[in-house]
C-alpha atoms as a PDB file:
ATOM      1  CA  MET A   1     102.325 120.477  11.120  1.00  0.00           C
ATOM      2  CA  LEU A   2     102.017 119.296  14.242  1.00  0.00           C
ATOM      3  CA  CYS A   3      99.229 121.995  14.305  1.00  0.00           C
ATOM      4  CA  LEU A   4      97.631 120.867  11.065  1.00  0.00           C
ATOM      5  CA  GLY A   5      97.263 117.773  13.450  1.00  0.00           C
ATOM      6  CA  PHE A   6      95.124 119.579  15.991  1.00  0.00           C
ATOM      7  CA  ILE A   7      92.831 121.613  13.114  1.00  0.00           C
ATOM      8  CA  SER A   8      91.665 118.508  11.186  1.00  0.00           C
ATOM      9  CA  ALA A   9      90.922 116.947  14.316  1.00  0.00           C
ATOM     10  CA  GLY A  10      88.519 119.473  15.684  1.00  0.00           C
ATOM     11  CA  LEU A  11      90.789 120.287  18.444  1.00  0.00           C
ATOM     12  CA  ASN A  12      91.180 125.106  19.015  1.00  0.00           C
ATOM     13  CA  SER A  13      94.536 125.560  17.075  1.00  0.00           C
ATOM     14  CA  GLN A  14      95.846 128.340  18.432  1.00  0.00           C
ATOM     15  CA  VAL A  15      94.823 127.387  21.988  1.00  0.00           C
ATOM     16  CA  THR A  16      96.994 124.221  21.133  1.00  0.00           C
ATOM     17  CA  CYS A  17     100.359 125.721  19.165  1.00  0.00           C
ATOM     18  CA  ASP A  18     100.276 128.157  21.418  1.00  0.00           C
ATOM     19  CA  HIS A  19     100.726 125.346  24.309  1.00  0.00           C
ATOM     20  CA  ILE A  20     103.211 123.681  21.639  1.00  0.00           C
ATOM     21  CA  TRP A  21     105.132 126.528  20.997  1.00  0.00           C
ATOM     22  CA  LYS A  22     106.192 128.094  24.087  1.00  0.00           C
ATOM     23  CA  TYR A  23     108.228 124.621  24.723  1.00  0.00           C
ATOM     24  CA  ALA A  24     110.678 126.689  22.148  1.00  0.00           C
ATOM     25  CA  VAL A  25     111.636 129.068  24.584  1.00  0.00           C
ATOM     26  CA  PHE A  26     114.027 127.752  27.299  1.00  0.00           C
ATOM     27  CA  HIS A  27     113.837 131.520  29.406  1.00  0.00           C
ATOM     28  CA  GLU A  28     112.007 134.536  29.584  1.00  0.00           C
ATOM     29  CA  ASP A  29     111.944 137.625  31.981  1.00  0.00           C
ATOM     30  CA  ASP A  30     111.753 141.291  30.860  1.00  0.00           C
ATOM     31  CA  GLU A  31     112.909 141.863  33.880  1.00  0.00           C
ATOM     32  CA  ASN A  32     116.669 141.272  33.536  1.00  0.00           C
ATOM     33  CA  PRO A  33     118.785 144.006  32.127  1.00  0.00           C
ATOM     34  CA  VAL A  34     120.908 141.265  30.196  1.00  0.00           C
ATOM     35  CA  VAL A  35     119.153 138.068  28.416  1.00  0.00           C
ATOM     36  CA  GLN A  36     115.323 138.850  28.233  1.00  0.00           C
ATOM     37  CA  LYS A  37     114.765 135.330  25.858  1.00  0.00           C
ATOM     38  CA  ILE A  38     116.333 132.077  24.955  1.00  0.00           C
ATOM     39  CA  ALA A  39     114.292 130.563  22.330  1.00  0.00           C
ATOM     40  CA  PHE A  40     114.894 127.482  19.892  1.00  0.00           C
ATOM     41  CA  THR A  41     113.703 128.425  16.148  1.00  0.00           C
ATOM     42  CA  GLY A  42     113.845 126.411  13.079  1.00  0.00           C
ATOM     43  CA  ARG A  43     111.968 123.953  10.656  1.00  0.00           C
ATOM     44  CA  LEU A  44     111.796 120.578   9.417  1.00  0.00           C
ATOM     45  CA  GLN A  45     109.908 120.251   5.912  1.00  0.00           C
ATOM     46  CA  GLY A  46     109.333 117.429   4.339  1.00  0.00           C
ATOM     47  CA  GLU A  47     107.706 114.952   1.339  1.00  0.00           C
ATOM     48  CA  ALA A  48     106.605 111.763   1.290  1.00  0.00           C
ATOM     49  CA  TYR A  49     104.481 110.068  -1.902  1.00  0.00           C
ATOM     50  CA  TRP A  50     103.342 106.955  -2.403  1.00  0.00           C
ATOM     51  CA  PHE A  51     101.909 105.206  -5.638  1.00  0.00           C
ATOM     52  CA  ASP A  52     100.284 102.499  -6.331  1.00  0.00           C
ATOM     53  CA  ALA A  53      99.681 101.187  -9.834  1.00  0.00           C
ATOM     54  CA  ASP A  54      99.424  98.795 -12.857  1.00  0.00           C
ATOM     55  CA  GLN A  55     102.962  99.952 -14.139  1.00  0.00           C
ATOM     56  CA  GLY A  56     104.802  99.430 -10.590  1.00  0.00           C
ATOM     57  CA  ASP A  57     104.634 101.046  -7.087  1.00  0.00           C
ATOM     58  CA  THR A  58     106.373 103.247  -5.378  1.00  0.00           C
ATOM     59  CA  ASN A  59     107.124 105.068  -2.490  1.00  0.00           C
ATOM     60  CA  ASP A  60     109.411 107.342  -0.497  1.00  0.00           C
ATOM     61  CA  ALA A  61     109.562 109.888   2.056  1.00  0.00           C
ATOM     62  CA  ILE A  62     112.864 112.791   1.607  1.00  0.00           C
ATOM     63  CA  TRP A  63     113.428 115.563   3.807  1.00  0.00           C
ATOM     64  CA  ARG A  64     113.766 118.795   2.573  1.00  0.00           C
ATOM     65  CA  ARG A  65     115.569 120.757   4.700  1.00  0.00           C
ATOM     66  CA  LEU A  66     116.148 120.872   9.032  1.00  0.00           C
ATOM     67  CA  ARG A  67     117.329 124.835  10.275  1.00  0.00           C
ATOM     68  CA  MET A  68     117.798 124.942  13.725  1.00  0.00           C
ATOM     69  CA  GLY A  69     119.705 127.048  15.991  1.00  0.00           C
ATOM     70  CA  PHE A  70     118.925 130.174  19.181  1.00  0.00           C
ATOM     71  CA  LYS A  71     117.767 133.353  18.644  1.00  0.00           C
ATOM     72  CA  ASN A  72     118.150 135.442  22.086  1.00  0.00           C
ATOM     73  CA  ALA A  73     117.091 138.474  23.191  1.00  0.00           C
ATOM     74  CA  VAL A  74     119.447 140.704  25.147  1.00  0.00           C
ATOM     75  CA  PHE A  75     120.297 144.670  26.035  1.00  0.00           C
ATOM     76  CA  ASP A  76     116.813 145.626  26.382  1.00  0.00           C
ATOM     77  CA  GLY A  77     116.221 145.765  22.390  1.00  0.00           C
ATOM     78  CA  CYS A  78     119.316 143.893  20.725  1.00  0.00           C
ATOM     79  CA  THR A  79     119.099 139.584  19.538  1.00  0.00           C
ATOM     80  CA  PHE A  80     121.176 137.775  19.069  1.00  0.00           C
ATOM     81  CA  HIS A  81     120.453 134.906  15.856  1.00  0.00           C
ATOM     82  CA  PHE A  82     122.509 131.704  15.050  1.00  0.00           C
ATOM     83  CA  GLU A  83     121.143 129.242  13.101  1.00  0.00           C
ATOM     84  CA  GLY A  84     122.192 126.057  10.601  1.00  0.00           C
ATOM     85  CA  ASP A  85     121.108 123.261   8.296  1.00  0.00           C
ATOM     86  CA  PHE A  86     121.528 120.019   8.896  1.00  0.00           C
ATOM     87  CA  ASN A  87     121.714 116.865   5.741  1.00  0.00           C
ATOM     88  CA  LEU A  88     118.610 113.974   7.403  1.00  0.00           C
ATOM     89  CA  ASN A  89     118.846 112.530   4.399  1.00  0.00           C
ATOM     90  CA  ALA A  90     122.308 111.504   3.908  1.00  0.00           C
ATOM     91  CA  ASP A  91     123.865 110.888   7.601  1.00  0.00           C
ATOM     92  CA  GLY A  92     122.482 114.045   9.668  1.00  0.00           C
ATOM     93  CA  SER A  93     125.556 115.852   8.729  1.00  0.00           C
ATOM     94  CA  TYR A  94     126.050 119.449   9.232  1.00  0.00           C
ATOM     95  CA  ASN A  95     125.627 121.519   5.916  1.00  0.00           C
ATOM     96  CA  ARG A  96     126.398 125.577   6.857  1.00  0.00           C
ATOM     97  CA  LEU A  97     125.348 128.316   8.869  1.00  0.00           C
ATOM     98  CA  THR A  98     122.359 130.439   7.181  1.00  0.00           C
ATOM     99  CA  ASP A  99     121.933 133.134   9.744  1.00  0.00           C
ATOM    100  CA  ALA A 100     124.430 134.614  12.426  1.00  0.00           C
ATOM    101  CA  TYR A 101     124.086 137.400  13.318  1.00  0.00           C
ATOM    102  CA  SER A 102     123.556 140.807  15.859  1.00  0.00           C
ATOM    103  CA  SER A 103     120.534 143.043  14.940  1.00  0.00           C
ATOM    104  CA  GLY A 104     119.107 146.307  17.360  1.00  0.00           C
ATOM    105  CA  LYS A 105     116.906 148.839  16.419  1.00  0.00           C
ATOM    106  CA  LEU A 106     118.059 152.417  16.221  1.00  0.00           C
ATOM    107  CA  ARG A 107     116.677 155.550  17.166  1.00  0.00           C
ATOM    108  CA  ASN A 108     114.464 156.434  14.205  1.00  0.00           C
ATOM    109  CA  GLY A 109     113.066 152.895  14.245  1.00  0.00           C
ATOM    110  CA  ALA A 110     115.216 151.233  11.610  1.00  0.00           C
ATOM    111  CA  THR A 111     116.429 148.235  12.598  1.00  0.00           C
ATOM    112  CA  LEU A 112     121.080 147.944  12.278  1.00  0.00           C
ATOM    113  CA  LYS A 113     121.864 143.447  11.671  1.00  0.00           C
ATOM    114  CA  ILE A 114     125.701 142.342  11.612  1.00  0.00           C
ATOM    115  CA  GLY A 115     126.790 139.263  10.867  1.00  0.00           C
ATOM    116  CA  LYS A 116     125.763 136.485   8.499  1.00  0.00           C
ATOM    117  CA  GLN A 117     122.487 136.968   7.344  1.00  0.00           C
ATOM    118  CA  SER A 118     119.950 135.619   4.336  1.00  0.00           C
ATOM    119  CA  ALA A 119     119.785 138.306   1.232  1.00  0.00           C
ATOM    120  CA  GLY A 120     116.672 138.256   0.003  1.00  0.00           C
ATOM    121  CA  PHE A 121     116.981 140.280  -4.471  1.00  0.00           C
ATOM    122  CA  THR A 122     113.339 137.629  -5.981  1.00  0.00           C
ATOM    123  CA  LEU A 123     109.920 137.184  -5.090  1.00  0.00           C
ATOM    124  CA  GLY A 124     110.915 134.066  -3.763  1.00  0.00           C
ATOM    125  CA  GLY A 125     113.921 134.430  -2.796  1.00  0.00           C
ATOM    126  CA  VAL A 126     112.730 137.740  -0.118  1.00  0.00           C
ATOM    127  CA  THR A 127     109.488 134.875   1.492  1.00  0.00           C
ATOM    128  CA  SER A 128     110.727 132.786   4.067  1.00  0.00           C
ATOM    129  CA  SER A 129     109.493 128.958   3.890  1.00  0.00           C
ATOM    130  CA  LYS A 130     108.681 130.145   8.097  1.00  0.00           C
ATOM    131  CA  SER A 131     105.922 132.362   6.080  1.00  0.00           C
ATOM    132  CA  LEU A 132     104.203 130.232   3.893  1.00  0.00           C
ATOM    133  CA  ILE A 133     100.968 128.960   5.585  1.00  0.00           C
ATOM    134  CA  THR A 134      99.977 127.229   1.803  1.00  0.00           C
ATOM    135  CA  ILE A 135     101.616 125.307  -0.993  1.00  0.00           C
ATOM    136  CA  HIS A 136     103.413 128.314  -2.719  1.00  0.00           C
ATOM    137  CA  LEU A 137     103.935 128.201  -6.264  1.00  0.00           C
ATOM    138  CA  HIS A 138     105.538 130.320  -8.135  1.00  0.00           C
ATOM    139  CA  ASN A 139     104.784 131.916 -11.849  1.00  0.00           C
ATOM    140  CA  GLU A 140     107.134 128.968 -13.242  1.00  0.00           C
ATOM    141  CA  GLY A 141     105.546 126.063 -12.022  1.00  0.00           C
ATOM    142  CA  GLU A 142     101.785 127.579 -12.323  1.00  0.00           C
ATOM    143  CA  GLN A 143     102.228 127.385 -16.458  1.00  0.00           C
ATOM    144  CA  VAL A 144     104.054 123.930 -16.462  1.00  0.00           C
ATOM    145  CA  PHE A 145     102.047 122.295 -14.552  1.00  0.00           C
ATOM    146  CA  LEU A 146      98.386 123.953 -14.173  1.00  0.00           C
ATOM    147  CA  ASP A 147      97.712 124.553 -18.194  1.00  0.00           C
ATOM    148  CA  GLU A 148      98.193 120.648 -18.326  1.00  0.00           C
ATOM    149  CA  PHE A 149      94.873 120.118 -16.364  1.00  0.00           C
END
């Protein structure tokens, strides 16, 4: 969201976003044989609306999700990833552990993950909200809403 603000302000978005994201990396040393990288990971997604109509006015802001944790690169090829889900709408409470796994590359190029991880069984489940750059509607939403307009 910060990057979108800088893009709309006409600043160099690549340089500005890289400058912001570097603060999420707490440690990075490719020469260290044990810990190569320790980084903060997560996402905050919110929604807001404001309507001013003859029937009445309404507005609100809702936090859809806050997920945060750490991703560590260790032993030249292994990754430890821990991430939790938090509820900002109620009291900022912890909901659940979303990821807690160790992964590494095998000699044949395959990746092996052991631990708690997301298992996507549908296109919606496989597509992470981290990879969506624009608003994404599933087919059901497009049929319901776009035919109306």
